[in-house]
Amino acid sequence: MYFIDENYLHQLIDNKVNVEDTLVDDILAKAKELNGLNLEEVATLLNIEDKGNLNKLFSTALFIKEEIYGNRLVLFAPLYISNFCSNNCLYCGFRADNKAIERTTLSLEQIKEETKAILEQGHKRILMLMGENHKETGLDFLIAAIDAVYSVRDSKQSSIRRINIEIAPLTDSEFKVLNDVKIGTYTVFQETYHYETYKKMHPSGKKSDYQWRLFTMDRALSNGMADVGIGALFGLYDYRFEVLALIQHSKYLDEKYGIGPHTISVPRIKPAMNAPASQYIPHQVSDIDFKKLVAVIRCAVPYTGMILSTREPKELRSELFNYGISQISAGSKTNIGGYKQALGSFSEIGQFSLNDCRTSGEVIQDVIKQGYIPSFCTACYRLGRVGEDFMDQAKPGLIKLFCQPNALTTLKEYLIDYADEETKRLGEKLIQKELDTIPNENIKKKTKEFLSLIDKGNRDLYF
C-alpha cells in the first residue's frame, strides 16, 4: 500500500525460499561495498537457514558496522514523561482500555528530578517518550519538558547534551514549530507495515489511521526536520515482511528527500499488562531470526544507526553488538517516575517489561570488556552534522573519523566522574589501546590533548 508494495514484498519472500551459497556470497560481497542492497537481495538473506551462511552474514554485518562507525556503542536512557494515551494498541501497557494502570503526567519539577537521576548514571543523551494524542500531553507540554531537561545540572555539573524524541505523529504546522526546538532525532515506529495487521492491532484512537502514521516522516522532512528514526515492532507480523518494508521505507525517504533514516529500531514484543497481543504474540520471532534480521538490516542500510533496547536479555544484547547494533539503552525505566522509584513515587507498571535490568554502570563495564567503546557523544548534532550533511559523512564511512575520538573523550569523562575503580581500570586500558588505532595523525594528536585536558577538569571537548 502506498510506497509499501505488499504483494511485491510477499512475492520476494516466497520466491527466495531456496538460497544458494554462491548467491549469498555474491550478495555479501556487494554489501561490503557499503552501498546497501536491493529488496531482492534482502529477501535472499532473510531466507538463509544454513548455519555457515548465517555466520558469513553475521561477520559481514560486523565488518560493515565497523567500517561505518568503528567499534563504538552509543548509550542513552529513555525518559517517559506521561502514560496518558488515547490509542488502544493491543500490545501496549499504556493502551486506553487498560484500567489497571495509574495514569500520571510528570510535572516539570518531577521531570527535572528524573533527569538528575539519569545524569547521575553518567548519561548525556535522553530519549523522551510519552503516550499519544492525549489532552494532557500536547506539543506545548513536550517543549516545556525539553526545556526542563536541558536546565538540569547534577552533582558533577553535567547536563543532558541531546534529547531525541519518540512521540505521536505531528501535523505540518506542528513540525514547523518543532523545527525550532533543540532536539536531535524525531522517531515514530510504524509498528507493522502490513495493513490488515495494523488495522487489527490498532482498533481505536488516532493511531488507527495507517496512512497518517505512514507518511509522518514525509511531513517531518518536508517541514525542516533533519534527522528521523523509524522502526517496526517485531512479532506482530512476519519479520521478513517487516524488514523488507523497513528497507523500502528507507529507500523511499532517501530517494525523495536525500535523507534516509538516521536510526532504525528493532524492538520485539514483550509482555505488558492487559495487552493481549503481548501475551499471545501473533508471529513470535526466535532469537536466531532476530539475530538474522539485525544483520540483514545492517547490510541493507549500512549508514543507519541501529538501536537495541533493554527489552532483550543481556546475553543476547551482548551478542547483537557483533551483528550491527550501534546504539543501546542502559539502566532503563519504562514506568513514569521510574528513575526515582526507590523513593516510592508513582506506579511500577511500565509500557512493557524489561529483560536487561542491569545498572548503567554494569552495562558500561561489560561493553568495555567486549572491546567496544561506550560512547556518550553528541557532537554531530551540536556541530550541525545532521540531515544530508550527516548522510554525506556516514554513507562512505567517513563519520567514524569523528566517532572514535569522540567516544574516547566522552568515555574519559565518564570514567573520571561516574565509574567505579574496576571500570576505570578497564576503561583507561581501552582508551590507550584505541588511541593507537586512530588513523589520522592530527586527530590522534588532538585526541590526546583533549584527554589530557579532561584529566585536568575540562569537559565537553569534541570533534
Protein backbone atom coordinates (compact mmCIF):
# COMPACT_ATOMS: atom_id res chain seq x y z
CA MET A 1 0.00 0.00 0.00
CA TYR A 2 1.26 3.46 -0.93
CA PHE A 3 5.06 3.15 -1.25
CA ILE A 4 4.84 -0.17 0.61
CA ASP A 5 4.05 -2.75 -2.08
CA GLU A 6 2.67 -5.65 -0.06
CA ASN A 7 2.18 -8.03 -2.98
CA TYR A 8 5.72 -7.47 -4.19
CA LEU A 9 7.20 -8.00 -0.74
CA HIS A 10 5.29 -11.25 -0.26
CA GLN A 11 6.41 -12.45 -3.68
CA LEU A 12 10.02 -11.75 -2.79
CA ILE A 13 9.71 -13.79 0.39
CA ASP A 14 8.06 -16.72 -1.39
CA ASN A 15 10.43 -16.70 -4.37
CA LYS A 16 13.62 -16.77 -2.29
CA VAL A 17 12.98 -19.86 -0.19
CA ASN A 18 15.86 -21.86 -1.68
CA VAL A 19 19.10 -19.96 -1.11
CA GLU A 20 22.29 -20.99 -2.95
CA ASP A 21 25.67 -20.49 -1.28
CA THR A 22 27.19 -18.72 -4.26
CA LEU A 23 24.32 -16.23 -4.38
CA VAL A 24 24.75 -15.47 -0.67
CA ASP A 25 28.47 -14.93 -1.19
CA ASP A 26 27.83 -12.51 -4.06
CA ILE A 27 25.29 -10.50 -2.07
CA LEU A 28 27.52 -10.26 0.99
CA ALA A 29 30.44 -9.17 -1.18
CA LYS A 30 28.23 -6.40 -2.58
CA ALA A 31 27.15 -5.44 0.96
CA LYS A 32 30.79 -4.89 1.93
CA GLU A 33 30.97 -2.12 -0.67
CA LEU A 34 28.77 -0.09 1.76
CA ASN A 35 26.20 0.91 -0.86
CA GLY A 36 23.33 -1.13 0.57
CA LEU A 37 21.25 -3.86 -1.04
CA ASN A 38 18.12 -4.03 -3.16
CA LEU A 39 14.94 -5.69 -1.92
CA GLU A 40 15.52 -8.90 -3.85
CA GLU A 41 18.94 -9.29 -2.23
CA VAL A 42 17.49 -8.53 1.19
CA ALA A 43 14.83 -11.21 0.69
CA THR A 44 17.53 -13.73 -0.17
CA LEU A 45 19.43 -13.03 3.04
CA LEU A 46 16.26 -13.16 5.12
CA ASN A 47 15.63 -16.71 3.95
CA ILE A 48 19.06 -18.00 4.97
CA GLU A 49 18.80 -21.06 7.25
CA ASP A 50 22.20 -22.72 6.80
CA LYS A 51 24.49 -22.14 9.78
CA GLY A 52 27.53 -21.49 7.63
CA ASN A 53 25.75 -18.81 5.61
CA LEU A 54 24.37 -17.26 8.79
CA ASN A 55 27.88 -16.96 10.19
CA LYS A 56 29.02 -15.28 6.98
CA LEU A 57 26.09 -12.89 7.23
CA PHE A 58 26.95 -12.04 10.84
CA SER A 59 30.62 -11.40 10.10
CA THR A 60 29.67 -9.20 7.14
CA ALA A 61 27.33 -7.15 9.31
CA LEU A 62 30.08 -6.59 11.87
CA PHE A 63 32.51 -5.58 9.13
CA ILE A 64 30.03 -3.01 7.79
CA LYS A 65 29.23 -1.58 11.20
CA GLU A 66 32.92 -1.14 11.98
CA GLU A 67 33.62 0.38 8.56
CA ILE A 68 30.91 2.99 9.10
CA TYR A 69 31.02 3.68 12.83
CA GLY A 70 34.06 1.89 14.20
CA ASN A 71 33.72 -0.12 17.39
CA ARG A 72 31.85 2.40 19.49
CA LEU A 73 28.39 1.88 21.02
CA VAL A 74 26.35 4.98 21.78
CA LEU A 75 24.45 4.89 25.08
CA PHE A 76 21.23 6.64 26.07
CA ALA A 77 18.42 6.43 28.62
CA PRO A 78 14.68 6.63 27.89
CA LEU A 79 12.63 9.13 29.88
CA TYR A 80 8.86 8.54 29.98
CA ILE A 81 7.05 11.72 31.00
CA SER A 82 3.39 10.61 30.70
CA ASN A 83 1.42 7.38 30.27
CA PHE A 84 -1.86 9.04 29.29
CA CYS A 85 -2.82 7.76 25.83
CA SER A 86 -5.91 7.86 23.61
CA ASN A 87 -4.85 4.90 21.46
CA ASN A 88 -5.76 1.28 22.09
CA CYS A 89 -2.80 -0.68 20.74
CA LEU A 90 -3.26 -4.34 21.64
CA TYR A 91 0.42 -4.85 22.54
CA CYS A 92 0.98 -1.83 24.82
CA GLY A 93 0.56 -1.40 28.56
CA PHE A 94 -0.33 2.28 28.08
CA ARG A 95 -3.39 1.43 25.93
CA ALA A 96 -6.52 3.41 26.73
CA ASP A 97 -8.54 0.35 27.78
CA ASN A 98 -6.01 -0.67 30.43
CA LYS A 99 -7.91 0.49 33.51
CA ALA A 100 -5.44 -1.11 35.93
CA ILE A 101 -2.66 1.35 35.26
CA GLU A 102 -2.28 4.53 37.28
CA ARG A 103 -2.19 7.40 34.79
CA THR A 104 0.44 10.00 35.52
CA THR A 105 1.96 13.01 33.82
CA LEU A 106 5.15 14.28 35.41
CA SER A 107 5.30 17.89 36.47
CA LEU A 108 8.23 19.92 35.19
CA GLU A 109 9.84 19.64 38.62
CA GLN A 110 9.45 15.85 38.56
CA ILE A 111 10.93 15.76 35.05
CA LYS A 112 13.95 17.62 36.42
CA GLU A 113 14.27 15.07 39.24
CA GLU A 114 14.16 12.20 36.75
CA THR A 115 16.75 13.94 34.59
CA LYS A 116 19.09 14.42 37.52
CA ALA A 117 18.82 10.70 38.38
CA ILE A 118 19.66 9.83 34.76
CA LEU A 119 22.62 12.22 34.75
CA GLU A 120 23.99 10.62 37.92
CA GLN A 121 24.28 7.39 35.90
CA GLY A 122 26.62 9.21 33.52
CA HIS A 123 24.21 9.60 30.62
CA LYS A 124 24.36 12.58 28.27
CA ARG A 125 21.58 11.50 25.86
CA ILE A 126 17.89 11.08 26.61
CA LEU A 127 15.10 9.60 24.52
CA MET A 128 11.92 11.36 25.65
CA LEU A 129 8.65 9.44 25.28
CA MET A 130 5.00 9.80 26.25
CA GLY A 131 1.58 8.41 25.36
CA GLU A 132 -0.04 9.65 22.18
CA ASN A 133 -2.73 12.16 21.25
CA HIS A 134 -3.97 12.95 24.71
CA LYS A 135 -5.17 16.31 26.00
CA GLU A 136 -2.73 16.00 28.92
CA THR A 137 0.33 15.90 26.69
CA GLY A 138 0.29 18.29 23.76
CA LEU A 139 3.21 19.84 21.89
CA ASP A 140 3.43 22.79 24.31
CA PHE A 141 3.90 20.36 27.21
CA LEU A 142 6.60 18.48 25.30
CA ILE A 143 8.53 21.68 24.57
CA ALA A 144 8.34 22.74 28.21
CA ALA A 145 9.58 19.28 29.23
CA ILE A 146 12.52 19.54 26.84
CA ASP A 147 13.48 22.93 28.28
CA ALA A 148 13.22 21.48 31.79
CA VAL A 149 15.57 18.61 30.96
CA TYR A 150 18.20 20.89 29.46
CA SER A 151 18.11 23.13 32.55
CA VAL A 152 19.26 20.40 34.95
CA ARG A 153 22.77 20.02 36.36
CA ASP A 154 23.84 17.08 38.51
CA SER A 155 26.41 16.92 41.31
CA LYS A 156 29.23 16.97 38.73
CA GLN A 157 27.65 19.95 36.96
CA SER A 158 26.93 17.68 33.99
CA SER A 159 23.89 18.25 31.81
CA ILE A 160 21.98 16.44 29.06
CA ARG A 161 23.51 17.34 25.71
CA ARG A 162 21.00 15.76 23.35
CA ILE A 163 17.31 14.88 23.55
CA ASN A 164 15.78 12.62 20.95
CA ILE A 165 12.01 12.27 20.99
CA GLU A 166 9.58 9.44 20.24
CA ILE A 167 6.09 10.93 20.22
CA ALA A 168 2.89 10.86 18.18
CA PRO A 169 2.88 11.86 14.51
CA LEU A 170 2.54 15.61 14.10
CA THR A 171 0.84 17.87 11.58
CA ASP A 172 2.73 20.07 9.13
CA SER A 173 2.21 23.12 11.32
CA GLU A 174 3.35 21.28 14.45
CA PHE A 175 6.53 20.14 12.70
CA LYS A 176 7.26 23.74 11.78
CA VAL A 177 7.07 24.61 15.48
CA LEU A 178 9.16 21.59 16.50
CA ASN A 179 11.79 22.52 13.94
CA ASP A 180 12.80 25.46 16.16
CA VAL A 181 13.15 23.25 19.26
CA LYS A 182 16.52 21.90 20.37
CA ILE A 183 16.13 18.19 19.68
CA GLY A 184 18.06 15.52 17.84
CA THR A 185 16.19 12.71 16.12
CA TYR A 186 12.41 12.57 15.78
CA THR A 187 11.23 8.96 15.87
CA VAL A 188 7.95 7.24 15.05
CA PHE A 189 7.52 3.49 14.61
CA GLN A 190 5.05 2.23 12.05
CA GLU A 191 4.83 -0.82 14.38
CA THR A 192 3.74 -3.04 11.48
CA TYR A 193 3.76 -2.16 7.79
CA HIS A 194 1.20 -4.88 7.00
CA TYR A 195 -2.08 -3.03 6.50
CA GLU A 196 -4.56 -5.64 7.78
CA THR A 197 -2.40 -6.45 10.80
CA TYR A 198 -2.03 -2.74 11.51
CA LYS A 199 -5.79 -2.22 11.50
CA LYS A 200 -6.29 -5.22 13.79
CA MET A 201 -3.64 -4.15 16.28
CA HIS A 202 -4.84 -0.51 16.43
CA PRO A 203 -8.63 -0.76 16.78
CA SER A 204 -9.23 2.79 18.03
CA GLY A 205 -7.59 6.13 18.58
CA LYS A 206 -5.86 8.38 16.07
CA LYS A 207 -3.17 5.75 15.66
CA SER A 208 -5.68 3.51 13.89
CA ASP A 209 -5.11 5.63 10.75
CA TYR A 210 -2.43 3.66 8.88
CA GLN A 211 -1.86 6.31 6.22
CA TRP A 212 -1.49 9.17 8.71
CA ARG A 213 1.26 7.28 10.50
CA LEU A 214 2.99 6.01 7.35
CA PHE A 215 3.53 9.49 5.95
CA THR A 216 4.75 11.00 9.22
CA MET A 217 8.34 11.24 8.01
CA ASP A 218 7.24 12.97 4.80
CA ARG A 219 5.67 15.69 6.91
CA ALA A 220 8.73 15.82 9.17
CA LEU A 221 11.31 16.12 6.40
CA SER A 222 9.15 18.48 4.34
CA ASN A 223 8.94 20.86 7.27
CA GLY A 224 12.59 21.11 8.20
CA MET A 225 13.33 18.17 10.49
CA ALA A 226 16.89 16.99 9.85
CA ASP A 227 17.07 13.53 11.41
CA VAL A 228 14.27 10.96 11.64
CA GLY A 229 14.06 7.46 13.05
CA ILE A 230 11.82 4.58 12.04
CA GLY A 231 11.14 1.10 13.38
CA ALA A 232 8.87 -1.92 13.48
CA LEU A 233 7.63 -3.93 16.45
CA PHE A 234 8.71 -7.45 15.60
CA GLY A 235 6.19 -10.14 16.41
CA LEU A 236 3.07 -8.50 15.01
CA TYR A 237 3.58 -9.96 11.51
CA ASP A 238 6.14 -11.99 9.52
CA TYR A 239 9.53 -10.50 10.43
CA ARG A 240 10.75 -10.91 6.85
CA PHE A 241 7.94 -8.72 5.55
CA GLU A 242 8.63 -6.08 8.20
CA VAL A 243 12.35 -5.95 7.36
CA LEU A 244 11.62 -5.60 3.65
CA ALA A 245 9.11 -2.84 4.41
CA LEU A 246 11.61 -1.01 6.61
CA ILE A 247 14.14 -1.14 3.77
CA GLN A 248 11.51 0.01 1.28
CA HIS A 249 10.63 2.90 3.59
CA SER A 250 14.31 3.79 3.97
CA LYS A 251 14.87 3.80 0.22
CA TYR A 252 11.74 5.87 -0.35
CA LEU A 253 12.90 8.57 2.09
CA ASP A 254 16.44 8.57 0.74
CA GLU A 255 15.31 8.86 -2.87
CA LYS A 256 12.67 11.52 -2.21
CA TYR A 257 14.44 13.70 0.36
CA GLY A 258 18.10 12.73 0.12
CA ILE A 259 17.92 11.73 3.80
CA GLY A 260 17.48 8.13 4.86
CA PRO A 261 16.55 7.21 8.41
CA HIS A 262 19.09 8.40 10.97
CA THR A 263 18.12 5.39 13.07
CA ILE A 264 16.21 2.13 12.72
CA SER A 265 14.92 0.50 15.92
CA VAL A 266 14.31 -3.24 16.21
CA PRO A 267 12.17 -3.98 19.30
CA ARG A 268 10.45 -7.34 19.82
CA ILE A 269 7.10 -7.55 21.59
CA LYS A 270 7.46 -8.12 25.33
CA PRO A 271 4.74 -8.80 27.92
CA ALA A 272 2.69 -5.81 29.08
CA MET A 273 -0.24 -5.61 31.49
CA ASN A 274 -3.67 -6.02 29.88
CA ALA A 275 -2.17 -6.04 26.39
CA PRO A 276 -3.45 -9.25 24.73
CA ALA A 277 -1.10 -9.24 21.72
CA SER A 278 1.88 -9.10 24.09
CA GLN A 279 0.70 -12.24 25.89
CA TYR A 280 -0.12 -14.25 22.77
CA ILE A 281 2.36 -12.94 20.22
CA PRO A 282 0.96 -13.42 16.68
CA HIS A 283 4.31 -14.01 14.92
CA GLN A 284 6.91 -14.91 17.52
CA VAL A 285 10.46 -14.10 16.37
CA SER A 286 13.07 -16.59 17.54
CA ASP A 287 16.47 -15.46 18.80
CA ILE A 288 18.22 -16.77 15.70
CA ASP A 289 15.79 -14.97 13.39
CA PHE A 290 16.21 -11.83 15.47
CA LYS A 291 19.98 -12.01 15.06
CA LYS A 292 19.50 -12.55 11.36
CA LEU A 293 17.18 -9.60 10.84
CA VAL A 294 19.56 -7.27 12.71
CA ALA A 295 22.44 -8.36 10.49
CA VAL A 296 20.36 -8.06 7.32
CA ILE A 297 19.25 -4.50 8.13
CA ARG A 298 22.87 -3.53 8.79
CA CYS A 299 23.87 -4.92 5.38
CA ALA A 300 20.94 -3.28 3.59
CA VAL A 301 21.10 0.18 5.21
CA PRO A 302 24.75 0.45 6.24
CA TYR A 303 24.68 4.13 7.24
CA THR A 304 21.81 3.99 9.72
CA GLY A 305 22.18 3.86 13.48
CA MET A 306 20.63 0.63 14.76
CA ILE A 307 19.02 0.84 18.19
CA LEU A 308 18.58 -2.01 20.68
CA SER A 309 16.63 -1.52 23.90
CA THR A 310 16.70 -3.28 27.26
CA ARG A 311 13.71 -5.40 26.18
CA GLU A 312 16.28 -8.07 25.30
CA PRO A 313 18.29 -10.11 27.85
CA LYS A 314 21.89 -9.13 28.49
CA GLU A 315 23.43 -12.20 26.82
CA LEU A 316 21.55 -11.61 23.59
CA ARG A 317 22.23 -7.88 23.69
CA SER A 318 25.95 -8.53 24.01
CA GLU A 319 25.85 -10.90 21.05
CA LEU A 320 23.91 -8.45 18.90
CA PHE A 321 26.65 -5.84 19.34
CA ASN A 322 28.59 -8.06 16.93
CA TYR A 323 25.85 -8.08 14.29
CA GLY A 324 25.39 -4.39 13.59
CA ILE A 325 23.82 -2.69 16.61
CA SER A 326 25.34 0.76 17.15
CA GLN A 327 23.15 2.36 19.85
CA ILE A 328 21.84 0.90 23.12
CA SER A 329 19.83 1.99 26.10
CA ALA A 330 21.16 1.25 29.58
CA GLY A 331 19.76 1.43 33.09
CA SER A 332 16.33 1.95 31.51
CA LYS A 333 12.95 2.50 33.17
CA THR A 334 9.70 2.40 31.19
CA ASN A 335 7.38 3.40 34.02
CA ILE A 336 6.56 7.00 34.84
CA GLY A 337 8.88 8.32 37.51
CA GLY A 338 10.90 5.13 37.28
CA TYR A 339 14.31 6.61 37.99
CA LYS A 340 13.06 7.90 41.34
CA GLN A 341 11.10 4.70 42.07
CA ALA A 342 13.37 3.89 45.01
CA LEU A 343 11.84 6.88 46.77
CA GLY A 344 8.39 5.35 46.48
CA SER A 345 6.96 7.56 43.76
CA PHE A 346 4.48 6.57 41.05
CA SER A 347 3.31 3.26 39.63
CA GLU A 348 5.66 0.39 38.91
CA ILE A 349 3.70 -0.58 35.78
CA GLY A 350 5.65 0.23 32.64
CA GLN A 351 4.83 0.32 28.94
CA PHE A 352 6.36 -3.15 28.58
CA SER A 353 8.61 -5.49 30.56
CA LEU A 354 12.40 -5.28 30.51
CA ASN A 355 14.89 -8.14 30.37
CA ASP A 356 18.20 -6.35 30.85
CA CYS A 357 17.73 -4.77 34.27
CA ARG A 358 21.40 -4.07 34.99
CA THR A 359 22.54 -0.65 36.07
CA SER A 360 24.14 1.63 33.51
CA GLY A 361 27.48 1.05 35.23
CA GLU A 362 27.20 -2.71 34.83
CA VAL A 363 26.28 -2.39 31.16
CA ILE A 364 29.16 0.01 30.51
CA GLN A 365 31.70 -2.27 32.15
CA ASP A 366 30.51 -5.23 30.08
CA VAL A 367 30.68 -3.15 26.89
CA ILE A 368 34.30 -2.30 27.69
CA LYS A 369 35.11 -5.93 28.42
CA GLN A 370 33.79 -6.83 24.96
CA GLY A 371 36.25 -4.37 23.43
CA TYR A 372 33.66 -1.78 22.44
CA ILE A 373 33.90 1.90 23.38
CA PRO A 374 30.90 3.14 25.38
CA SER A 375 30.14 6.49 23.76
CA PHE A 376 28.16 9.43 25.11
CA CYS A 377 28.96 11.52 22.04
CA THR A 378 26.56 14.25 20.88
CA ALA A 379 28.99 16.07 18.59
CA CYS A 380 27.27 15.68 15.20
CA TYR A 381 24.03 17.18 16.39
CA ARG A 382 25.73 20.09 18.13
CA LEU A 383 28.09 20.87 15.23
CA GLY A 384 25.33 20.74 12.63
CA ARG A 385 26.39 17.41 11.09
CA VAL A 386 22.75 16.46 10.60
CA GLY A 387 20.44 15.56 7.75
CA GLU A 388 22.19 15.50 4.38
CA ASP A 389 25.49 16.61 5.91
CA PHE A 390 25.46 13.60 8.22
CA MET A 391 24.48 11.26 5.39
CA ASP A 392 27.37 12.58 3.28
CA GLN A 393 29.74 11.58 6.08
CA ALA A 394 28.07 8.34 7.14
CA LYS A 395 27.39 6.64 3.82
CA PRO A 396 31.06 6.37 2.76
CA GLY A 397 32.22 5.58 6.31
CA LEU A 398 33.91 8.94 6.97
CA ILE A 399 31.90 9.58 10.12
CA LYS A 400 33.97 7.11 12.16
CA LEU A 401 36.91 9.54 11.93
CA PHE A 402 34.88 11.57 14.45
CA CYS A 403 33.04 8.72 16.19
CA GLN A 404 36.14 7.05 17.59
CA PRO A 405 37.86 10.10 19.18
CA ASN A 406 34.54 11.49 20.45
CA ALA A 407 33.76 8.12 22.01
CA LEU A 408 37.13 8.18 23.76
CA THR A 409 36.74 11.70 25.15
CA THR A 410 33.22 11.05 26.45
CA LEU A 411 34.32 7.74 27.94
CA LYS A 412 37.16 9.57 29.70
CA GLU A 413 34.63 11.96 31.25
CA TYR A 414 32.53 9.04 32.43
CA LEU A 415 35.50 7.24 33.97
CA ILE A 416 36.54 10.29 35.99
CA ASP A 417 33.08 11.41 37.07
CA TYR A 418 30.98 8.28 37.50
CA ALA A 419 32.84 4.97 37.14
CA ASP A 420 33.85 2.53 39.88
CA GLU A 421 37.51 1.59 40.22
CA GLU A 422 37.33 -1.58 38.13
CA THR A 423 35.57 0.19 35.28
CA LYS A 424 38.15 2.99 35.46
CA ARG A 425 40.97 0.49 35.16
CA LEU A 426 39.38 -1.32 32.22
CA GLY A 427 38.34 1.92 30.54
CA GLU A 428 41.75 3.56 30.74
CA LYS A 429 43.32 0.44 29.25
CA LEU A 430 40.82 0.52 26.38
CA ILE A 431 41.45 4.23 25.74
CA GLN A 432 45.20 3.69 25.43
CA LYS A 433 44.65 0.76 23.08
CA GLU A 434 42.22 2.69 20.88
CA LEU A 435 44.43 5.77 20.66
CA ASP A 436 46.99 3.76 18.73
CA THR A 437 44.40 2.82 16.10
CA ILE A 438 43.28 6.36 15.18
CA PRO A 439 44.37 6.59 11.52
CA ASN A 440 44.64 10.38 11.21
CA GLU A 441 47.73 11.68 13.00
CA ASN A 442 46.32 15.17 13.52
CA ILE A 443 43.13 13.79 15.07
CA LYS A 444 45.17 11.38 17.19
CA LYS A 445 47.29 14.27 18.49
CA LYS A 446 44.22 16.41 19.21
CA THR A 447 42.50 13.49 20.96
CA LYS A 448 45.47 13.07 23.28
CA GLU A 449 45.34 16.79 24.04
CA PHE A 450 41.62 16.59 24.81
CA LEU A 451 42.14 13.57 27.09
CA SER A 452 44.84 15.45 29.00
CA LEU A 453 42.57 18.48 29.39
CA ILE A 454 39.74 16.28 30.65
CA ASP A 455 42.13 14.86 33.25
CA LYS A 456 42.69 18.44 34.39
CA GLY A 457 38.98 19.16 34.80
CA ASN A 458 37.85 20.28 31.34
CA ARG A 459 34.67 18.75 29.90
CA ASP A 460 32.70 18.57 26.68
CA LEU A 461 35.57 18.53 24.18
CA TYR A 462 34.71 17.07 20.81
CA PHE A 463 35.39 16.95 17.07
